[in-house]
Amino acid sequence: MNNNFPSHNNDLDSRLLVSDYLSADPEHVRSARELAHFLGMRPREITRMIEHERRAGIPILANGRGYFLGGSDDEVKRYVRRLDRRIAEIQKTRNALVPSPERSAT
């Protein structure tokens, strides 16, 4: 495991950003568990911080191994397309589980 994290300034006026600890190289990802261990937090806290940063416009992407920063607009667009496909699949599952008026009448 590579522990070459940048040092974090503990100044109270600065805010800890997970993105400060990520590479723009998708071959050098950091898992939520690895980040949590290094930062002394729980993995769930890390994933919440990542979502907060994403919603602020920081392009934190993920693959099956961990998180990394989007290095190009094309990379971010590809990731967004993957998210769109996941959303569509989740919607199909949701629709199958929620009774429609036609199905509940039978």
Protein backbone atom coordinates (compact mmCIF):
# COMPACT_ATOMS: atom_id res chain seq x y z
CA MET A 1 0.00 0.00 0.00
CA ASN A 2 1.37 3.38 -1.03
CA ASN A 3 1.21 5.94 1.80
CA ASN A 4 2.61 8.93 -0.06
CA PHE A 5 -0.14 11.27 1.06
CA PRO A 6 0.47 15.01 1.04
CA SER A 7 0.76 16.52 4.48
CA HIS A 8 -2.32 18.35 5.72
CA ASN A 9 -2.18 21.76 7.31
CA ASN A 10 -4.04 21.51 10.62
CA ASP A 11 -4.84 25.22 10.64
CA LEU A 12 -8.38 25.65 12.01
CA ASP A 13 -9.24 28.06 9.20
CA SER A 14 -8.51 25.44 6.54
CA ARG A 15 -10.96 22.75 5.64
CA LEU A 16 -9.97 19.14 5.15
CA LEU A 17 -10.74 18.11 1.59
CA VAL A 18 -10.50 14.50 0.52
CA SER A 19 -9.64 15.70 -2.98
CA ASP A 20 -6.35 17.05 -1.62
CA TYR A 21 -5.31 13.43 -1.05
CA LEU A 22 -6.27 12.09 -4.48
CA SER A 23 -4.30 11.67 -7.67
CA ALA A 24 -5.53 12.56 -11.15
CA ASP A 25 -4.16 9.20 -12.31
CA PRO A 26 -6.82 6.45 -12.32
CA GLU A 27 -4.02 3.93 -11.81
CA HIS A 28 -3.23 5.52 -8.41
CA VAL A 29 -6.56 5.43 -6.63
CA ARG A 30 -7.29 5.70 -2.91
CA SER A 31 -10.01 3.57 -1.35
CA ALA A 32 -12.38 4.99 1.26
CA ARG A 33 -10.85 2.58 3.76
CA GLU A 34 -7.30 3.74 2.99
CA LEU A 35 -8.28 7.41 3.23
CA ALA A 36 -10.19 6.79 6.45
CA HIS A 37 -7.25 5.01 8.04
CA PHE A 38 -4.83 7.75 7.06
CA LEU A 39 -7.12 10.59 8.14
CA GLY A 40 -8.34 8.90 11.34
CA MET A 41 -11.95 8.76 10.22
CA ARG A 42 -14.56 6.15 9.35
CA PRO A 43 -14.99 5.11 5.69
CA ARG A 44 -18.60 6.36 5.75
CA GLU A 45 -17.38 9.82 6.77
CA ILE A 46 -15.01 9.77 3.81
CA THR A 47 -17.77 8.87 1.36
CA ARG A 48 -19.97 11.67 2.75
CA MET A 49 -17.12 14.14 2.32
CA ILE A 50 -16.58 12.93 -1.23
CA GLU A 51 -20.25 13.44 -2.07
CA HIS A 52 -20.13 16.93 -0.55
CA GLU A 53 -17.05 17.81 -2.61
CA ARG A 54 -18.59 16.37 -5.78
CA ARG A 55 -21.69 18.49 -5.26
CA ALA A 56 -19.41 21.51 -4.91
CA GLY A 57 -18.07 20.72 -8.38
CA ILE A 58 -14.85 18.87 -7.57
CA PRO A 59 -14.55 16.05 -10.14
CA ILE A 60 -13.90 13.10 -7.83
CA LEU A 61 -14.35 9.94 -9.89
CA ALA A 62 -14.33 6.31 -8.87
CA ASN A 63 -13.58 2.94 -10.34
CA GLY A 64 -13.85 -0.49 -8.78
CA ARG A 65 -10.70 0.06 -6.72
CA GLY A 66 -11.10 3.58 -5.33
CA TYR A 67 -11.29 7.31 -5.92
CA PHE A 68 -9.26 9.67 -8.09
CA LEU A 69 -9.59 13.15 -9.57
CA GLY A 70 -10.94 13.59 -13.08
CA GLY A 71 -7.96 14.51 -15.21
CA SER A 72 -9.82 15.69 -18.31
CA ASP A 73 -13.26 16.77 -19.44
CA ASP A 74 -13.59 13.58 -21.49
CA GLU A 75 -12.81 11.44 -18.45
CA VAL A 76 -15.46 13.27 -16.43
CA LYS A 77 -17.99 12.90 -19.27
CA ARG A 78 -17.34 9.14 -19.44
CA TYR A 79 -17.86 8.89 -15.69
CA VAL A 80 -21.11 10.87 -15.90
CA ARG A 81 -22.35 8.51 -18.64
CA ARG A 82 -21.62 5.57 -16.32
CA LEU A 83 -23.57 7.31 -13.56
CA ASP A 84 -26.48 7.86 -15.97
CA ARG A 85 -26.52 4.15 -16.84
CA ARG A 86 -26.50 3.25 -13.14
CA ILE A 87 -29.37 5.66 -12.50
CA ALA A 88 -31.39 4.08 -15.33
CA GLU A 89 -30.80 0.58 -13.92
CA ILE A 90 -31.76 1.67 -10.40
CA GLN A 91 -34.92 3.28 -11.80
CA LYS A 92 -35.86 0.00 -13.54
CA THR A 93 -35.44 -1.88 -10.26
CA ARG A 94 -37.43 0.74 -8.38
CA ASN A 95 -40.23 0.60 -10.94
CA ALA A 96 -40.36 -3.18 -10.66
CA LEU A 97 -40.71 -2.98 -6.87
CA VAL A 98 -43.28 -0.18 -6.67
CA PRO A 99 -46.71 -1.43 -7.59
CA SER A 100 -48.25 0.32 -10.55
CA PRO A 101 -52.01 0.97 -10.53
CA GLU A 102 -52.46 -1.68 -13.25
CA ARG A 103 -50.57 -4.38 -11.32
CA SER A 104 -52.22 -3.69 -7.99
CA ALA A 105 -55.69 -4.01 -9.55
CA THR A 106 -55.07 -7.67 -10.42
